[in-house]
């Protein structure tokens, strides 16, 4: 069963993707994994809508895995990049 809040959340996520794409084409620096995290959360919201219609258990698991992946990617986007030590030469 569809809920209005789920549809609104998905619409806002899609709007956020458009804002990100417009910012990435400008000179604003956006963290690397930020788009990946937004896409993972958006996929979780799509899975939320799908679980109301078919394969409820499978889409519920996929929804929560997507939110987990989105959380990991948002964390990675704000961690400083690892610096490799240059051995030799």
Protein backbone atom coordinates (compact mmCIF):
# COMPACT_ATOMS: atom_id res chain seq x y z
CA UNK A 1 0.00 0.00 0.00
CA UNK A 2 1.35 3.39 -0.97
CA UNK A 3 1.74 6.08 1.62
CA UNK A 4 1.99 9.74 0.72
CA UNK A 5 5.08 10.24 2.88
CA UNK A 6 6.96 7.51 0.99
CA UNK A 7 6.17 9.13 -2.36
CA UNK A 8 7.16 12.55 -1.01
CA UNK A 9 10.48 11.18 0.32
CA UNK A 10 11.26 9.66 -3.07
CA UNK A 11 10.40 12.93 -4.84
CA UNK A 12 12.67 14.88 -2.49
CA UNK A 13 15.51 12.42 -3.06
CA UNK A 14 15.15 12.76 -6.81
CA UNK A 15 15.18 16.54 -6.40
CA UNK A 16 18.36 16.25 -4.31
CA UNK A 17 20.00 14.25 -7.11
CA UNK A 18 19.15 17.05 -9.57
CA UNK A 19 20.59 19.66 -7.19
CA UNK A 20 23.75 17.57 -6.79
CA UNK A 21 24.16 17.24 -10.55
CA UNK A 22 23.76 20.98 -11.02
CA UNK A 23 26.30 21.67 -8.26
CA UNK A 24 28.80 19.18 -9.63
CA UNK A 25 28.81 20.98 -12.96
CA UNK A 26 29.60 24.26 -11.21
CA UNK A 27 32.70 25.10 -9.20
CA UNK A 28 31.27 23.89 -5.88
CA UNK A 29 33.26 21.00 -4.43
CA UNK A 30 31.01 18.12 -3.40
CA UNK A 31 32.43 15.09 -1.50
CA UNK A 32 33.21 12.06 -3.66
CA UNK A 33 30.84 9.38 -2.39
CA UNK A 34 28.02 11.85 -1.76
CA UNK A 35 26.14 11.02 -4.99
CA UNK A 36 26.56 7.31 -4.33
CA UNK A 37 25.04 7.71 -0.88
CA UNK A 38 22.09 9.68 -2.29
CA UNK A 39 21.53 7.00 -4.93
CA UNK A 40 21.63 4.23 -2.31
CA UNK A 41 19.06 6.02 -0.14
CA UNK A 42 16.90 6.68 -3.21
CA UNK A 43 17.04 2.99 -4.09
CA UNK A 44 15.96 2.19 -0.53
CA UNK A 45 12.95 4.46 -0.99
CA UNK A 46 12.08 2.75 -4.28
CA UNK A 47 12.33 -0.62 -2.53
CA UNK A 48 10.00 0.72 0.19
CA UNK A 49 7.37 1.46 -2.44
CA UNK A 50 7.84 -1.89 -4.17
CA UNK A 51 7.53 -3.94 -1.00
CA UNK A 52 3.91 -2.83 -0.72
CA UNK A 53 3.10 -4.59 -4.00
CA UNK A 54 5.24 -7.70 -4.36
CA UNK A 55 7.95 -9.80 -2.69
CA UNK A 56 7.56 -7.97 0.62
CA UNK A 57 10.38 -9.73 2.51
CA UNK A 58 12.92 -9.43 -0.29
CA UNK A 59 12.29 -5.71 -0.88
CA UNK A 60 12.32 -5.06 2.87
CA UNK A 61 15.80 -6.59 3.13
CA UNK A 62 16.97 -4.69 0.03
CA UNK A 63 15.57 -1.46 1.49
CA UNK A 64 17.54 -1.81 4.71
CA UNK A 65 20.70 -2.89 2.88
CA UNK A 66 20.39 0.22 0.69
CA UNK A 67 20.10 2.45 3.75
CA UNK A 68 23.14 0.73 5.26
CA UNK A 69 25.12 1.27 2.05
CA UNK A 70 24.00 4.92 1.92
CA UNK A 71 25.18 5.43 5.49
CA UNK A 72 28.56 3.88 4.74
CA UNK A 73 28.99 5.98 1.59
CA UNK A 74 28.07 9.22 3.37
CA UNK A 75 30.66 8.37 6.02
CA UNK A 76 33.27 7.68 3.34
CA UNK A 77 32.48 10.95 1.59
CA UNK A 78 33.46 12.96 4.65
CA UNK A 79 36.49 10.96 5.77
CA UNK A 80 39.81 12.39 4.65
CA UNK A 81 41.36 10.44 1.78
CA UNK A 82 44.05 7.97 2.76
CA UNK A 83 47.52 9.18 1.89
CA UNK A 84 49.93 6.59 0.60
CA UNK A 85 53.51 6.73 1.72
CA UNK A 86 55.92 6.83 -1.15
CA UNK A 87 58.50 4.09 -0.49
CA UNK A 88 61.65 4.11 -2.54
CA UNK A 89 62.91 6.59 -5.13
